[in-house]
Amino acid sequence: MGLKSVHFVSDSLMLVNQMNGVYAVKNRDLSLVYGDIWELLGKLDSYSFEHVPRAQNAKADKEVNRVIDEYLKRE
């Protein structure tokens, strides 16, 4: 996509803390994905991760659930 700077926003505090290095990733399966993510992040000039509580993110949460439901229907 040609992006050089990305600001990620998530309602998962654990994910944000893992990506910010506050928490370690202990799950082996997640550790593999975590490694892939860091490889992709290395291609960016800058990035950041921000936690937004789900209660303050209802519109985005609804949209993500809609997309997941559509994907699962195709499977």
N, C-alpha and C. Protein backbone atom coordinates (compact mmCIF):
# COMPACT_ATOMS: atom_id res chain seq x y z
N MET A 1 0.81 -1.19 0.00
CA MET A 1 0.00 0.00 0.00
C MET A 1 0.86 1.26 0.00
N GLY A 2 2.14 1.12 0.22
CA GLY A 2 3.02 2.28 0.19
C GLY A 2 3.02 3.13 1.45
N LEU A 3 2.41 2.64 2.51
CA LEU A 3 2.38 3.42 3.76
C LEU A 3 3.75 3.43 4.41
N LYS A 4 4.10 4.55 5.01
CA LYS A 4 5.38 4.68 5.70
C LYS A 4 5.22 4.90 7.20
N SER A 5 4.04 5.35 7.60
CA SER A 5 3.76 5.62 9.00
C SER A 5 2.34 5.15 9.30
N VAL A 6 2.19 4.33 10.35
CA VAL A 6 0.88 3.79 10.70
C VAL A 6 0.64 3.93 12.20
N HIS A 7 -0.54 4.39 12.55
CA HIS A 7 -0.98 4.48 13.94
C HIS A 7 -2.08 3.44 14.13
N PHE A 8 -1.78 2.40 14.90
CA PHE A 8 -2.73 1.33 15.15
C PHE A 8 -3.53 1.65 16.41
N VAL A 9 -4.84 1.44 16.34
CA VAL A 9 -5.72 1.67 17.48
C VAL A 9 -6.47 0.38 17.74
N SER A 10 -6.46 -0.08 18.99
CA SER A 10 -7.11 -1.34 19.32
C SER A 10 -7.79 -1.24 20.67
N ASP A 11 -8.87 -2.01 20.82
CA ASP A 11 -9.52 -2.07 22.13
C ASP A 11 -8.95 -3.21 22.97
N SER A 12 -7.94 -3.90 22.44
CA SER A 12 -7.28 -4.97 23.19
C SER A 12 -6.05 -4.40 23.91
N LEU A 13 -6.19 -4.19 25.19
CA LEU A 13 -5.08 -3.66 25.97
C LEU A 13 -3.90 -4.63 25.97
N MET A 14 -4.18 -5.93 26.01
CA MET A 14 -3.10 -6.91 25.99
C MET A 14 -2.30 -6.81 24.70
N LEU A 15 -2.99 -6.72 23.56
CA LEU A 15 -2.30 -6.60 22.28
C LEU A 15 -1.44 -5.34 22.24
N VAL A 16 -1.99 -4.22 22.65
CA VAL A 16 -1.25 -2.96 22.63
C VAL A 16 -0.03 -3.06 23.54
N ASN A 17 -0.21 -3.62 24.73
CA ASN A 17 0.92 -3.75 25.64
C ASN A 17 1.98 -4.72 25.11
N GLN A 18 1.56 -5.77 24.43
CA GLN A 18 2.53 -6.67 23.82
C GLN A 18 3.31 -5.97 22.71
N MET A 19 2.61 -5.24 21.88
CA MET A 19 3.28 -4.57 20.77
C MET A 19 4.16 -3.42 21.25
N ASN A 20 3.82 -2.83 22.39
CA ASN A 20 4.64 -1.75 22.95
C ASN A 20 5.75 -2.29 23.86
N GLY A 21 5.85 -3.61 23.99
CA GLY A 21 6.92 -4.22 24.78
C GLY A 21 6.68 -4.22 26.28
N VAL A 22 5.47 -3.88 26.71
CA VAL A 22 5.15 -3.89 28.13
C VAL A 22 4.95 -5.33 28.62
N TYR A 23 4.27 -6.15 27.81
CA TYR A 23 4.04 -7.56 28.13
C TYR A 23 4.81 -8.42 27.13
N ALA A 24 5.27 -9.56 27.59
CA ALA A 24 5.89 -10.54 26.71
C ALA A 24 4.80 -11.37 26.04
N VAL A 25 5.09 -11.88 24.85
CA VAL A 25 4.18 -12.80 24.17
C VAL A 25 4.63 -14.21 24.55
N LYS A 26 3.82 -14.90 25.33
CA LYS A 26 4.20 -16.22 25.85
C LYS A 26 3.60 -17.38 25.06
N ASN A 27 2.46 -17.15 24.43
CA ASN A 27 1.79 -18.19 23.65
C ASN A 27 2.60 -18.48 22.38
N ARG A 28 2.92 -19.74 22.14
CA ARG A 28 3.77 -20.11 21.00
C ARG A 28 3.15 -19.71 19.66
N ASP A 29 1.85 -19.97 19.49
CA ASP A 29 1.19 -19.61 18.23
C ASP A 29 1.19 -18.11 18.02
N LEU A 30 0.89 -17.35 19.07
CA LEU A 30 0.91 -15.89 18.96
C LEU A 30 2.32 -15.38 18.72
N SER A 31 3.30 -16.07 19.28
CA SER A 31 4.69 -15.66 19.10
C SER A 31 5.09 -15.69 17.63
N LEU A 32 4.60 -16.67 16.89
CA LEU A 32 4.89 -16.75 15.46
C LEU A 32 4.28 -15.58 14.71
N VAL A 33 3.04 -15.24 15.03
CA VAL A 33 2.37 -14.10 14.41
C VAL A 33 3.07 -12.81 14.81
N TYR A 34 3.45 -12.71 16.06
CA TYR A 34 4.15 -11.54 16.59
C TYR A 34 5.43 -11.29 15.78
N GLY A 35 6.16 -12.36 15.51
CA GLY A 35 7.38 -12.23 14.70
C GLY A 35 7.09 -11.72 13.30
N ASP A 36 6.03 -12.24 12.70
CA ASP A 36 5.63 -11.77 11.36
C ASP A 36 5.26 -10.28 11.38
N ILE A 37 4.56 -9.88 12.42
CA ILE A 37 4.15 -8.47 12.54
C ILE A 37 5.38 -7.58 12.64
N TRP A 38 6.35 -7.97 13.46
CA TRP A 38 7.56 -7.16 13.61
C TRP A 38 8.34 -7.07 12.32
N GLU A 39 8.31 -8.14 11.54
CA GLU A 39 8.97 -8.10 10.23
C GLU A 39 8.31 -7.04 9.33
N LEU A 40 6.99 -7.00 9.33
CA LEU A 40 6.27 -6.01 8.54
C LEU A 40 6.48 -4.60 9.07
N LEU A 41 6.49 -4.45 10.39
CA LEU A 41 6.70 -3.13 10.99
C LEU A 41 8.08 -2.57 10.62
N GLY A 42 9.04 -3.46 10.42
CA GLY A 42 10.37 -3.03 10.04
C GLY A 42 10.42 -2.34 8.68
N LYS A 43 9.39 -2.51 7.88
CA LYS A 43 9.31 -1.86 6.57
C LYS A 43 8.75 -0.44 6.65
N LEU A 44 8.25 -0.07 7.83
CA LEU A 44 7.68 1.27 8.02
C LEU A 44 8.74 2.22 8.58
N ASP A 45 8.56 3.50 8.30
CA ASP A 45 9.42 4.52 8.91
C ASP A 45 9.05 4.75 10.37
N SER A 46 7.76 4.67 10.66
CA SER A 46 7.30 4.85 12.04
C SER A 46 5.95 4.15 12.24
N TYR A 47 5.68 3.83 13.48
CA TYR A 47 4.41 3.20 13.84
C TYR A 47 4.16 3.45 15.32
N SER A 48 2.90 3.33 15.71
CA SER A 48 2.54 3.45 17.12
C SER A 48 1.30 2.61 17.37
N PHE A 49 1.13 2.24 18.63
CA PHE A 49 -0.03 1.44 19.05
C PHE A 49 -0.71 2.18 20.19
N GLU A 50 -2.03 2.30 20.07
CA GLU A 50 -2.82 3.02 21.08
C GLU A 50 -4.00 2.17 21.51
N HIS A 51 -4.25 2.15 22.81
CA HIS A 51 -5.41 1.45 23.35
C HIS A 51 -6.59 2.42 23.46
N VAL A 52 -7.75 1.98 22.98
CA VAL A 52 -8.99 2.73 23.13
C VAL A 52 -10.01 1.74 23.70
N PRO A 53 -10.57 2.01 24.87
CA PRO A 53 -11.54 1.08 25.46
C PRO A 53 -12.71 0.80 24.50
N ARG A 54 -13.18 -0.43 24.52
CA ARG A 54 -14.26 -0.84 23.63
C ARG A 54 -15.48 0.06 23.74
N ALA A 55 -15.77 0.52 24.94
CA ALA A 55 -16.93 1.40 25.14
C ALA A 55 -16.80 2.70 24.34
N GLN A 56 -15.58 3.11 24.08
CA GLN A 56 -15.34 4.33 23.31
C GLN A 56 -15.10 4.02 21.83
N ASN A 57 -15.26 2.76 21.47
CA ASN A 57 -14.93 2.33 20.11
C ASN A 57 -16.05 1.47 19.52
N ALA A 58 -17.28 1.74 19.91
CA ALA A 58 -18.42 0.90 19.54
C ALA A 58 -18.62 0.82 18.02
N LYS A 59 -18.47 1.92 17.32
CA LYS A 59 -18.68 1.93 15.87
C LYS A 59 -17.66 1.03 15.15
N ALA A 60 -16.40 1.14 15.53
CA ALA A 60 -15.36 0.30 14.91
C ALA A 60 -15.56 -1.16 15.28
N ASP A 61 -15.93 -1.42 16.52
CA ASP A 61 -16.16 -2.80 16.97
C ASP A 61 -17.30 -3.43 16.17
N LYS A 62 -18.36 -2.68 15.94
CA LYS A 62 -19.50 -3.18 15.17
C LYS A 62 -19.06 -3.50 13.73
N GLU A 63 -18.25 -2.63 13.13
CA GLU A 63 -17.79 -2.84 11.76
C GLU A 63 -16.89 -4.06 11.65
N VAL A 64 -16.00 -4.24 12.60
CA VAL A 64 -15.12 -5.42 12.59
C VAL A 64 -15.95 -6.69 12.71
N ASN A 65 -16.93 -6.70 13.59
CA ASN A 65 -17.78 -7.88 13.74
C ASN A 65 -18.55 -8.17 12.45
N ARG A 66 -18.99 -7.14 11.75
CA ARG A 66 -19.70 -7.33 10.49
C ARG A 66 -18.78 -7.97 9.45
N VAL A 67 -17.56 -7.50 9.36
CA VAL A 67 -16.60 -8.03 8.39
C VAL A 67 -16.27 -9.48 8.73
N ILE A 68 -16.07 -9.79 10.00
CA ILE A 68 -15.78 -11.17 10.41
C ILE A 68 -16.95 -12.07 10.06
N ASP A 69 -18.17 -11.63 10.34
CA ASP A 69 -19.35 -12.43 10.02
C ASP A 69 -19.44 -12.71 8.52
N GLU A 70 -19.18 -11.70 7.69
CA GLU A 70 -19.21 -11.89 6.23
C GLU A 70 -18.16 -12.90 5.79
N TYR A 71 -16.98 -12.80 6.36
CA TYR A 71 -15.90 -13.73 6.03
C TYR A 71 -16.30 -15.16 6.40
N LEU A 72 -16.85 -15.34 7.57
CA LEU A 72 -17.22 -16.68 8.03
C LEU A 72 -18.34 -17.29 7.20
N LYS A 73 -19.22 -16.46 6.68
CA LYS A 73 -20.29 -16.96 5.81
C LYS A 73 -19.73 -17.53 4.51
N ARG A 74 -18.62 -16.96 4.03
CA ARG A 74 -17.98 -17.43 2.79
C ARG A 74 -17.24 -18.73 2.97
N GLU A 75 -16.83 -19.01 4.19
CA GLU A 75 -16.05 -20.22 4.47
C GLU A 75 -16.88 -21.47 4.36
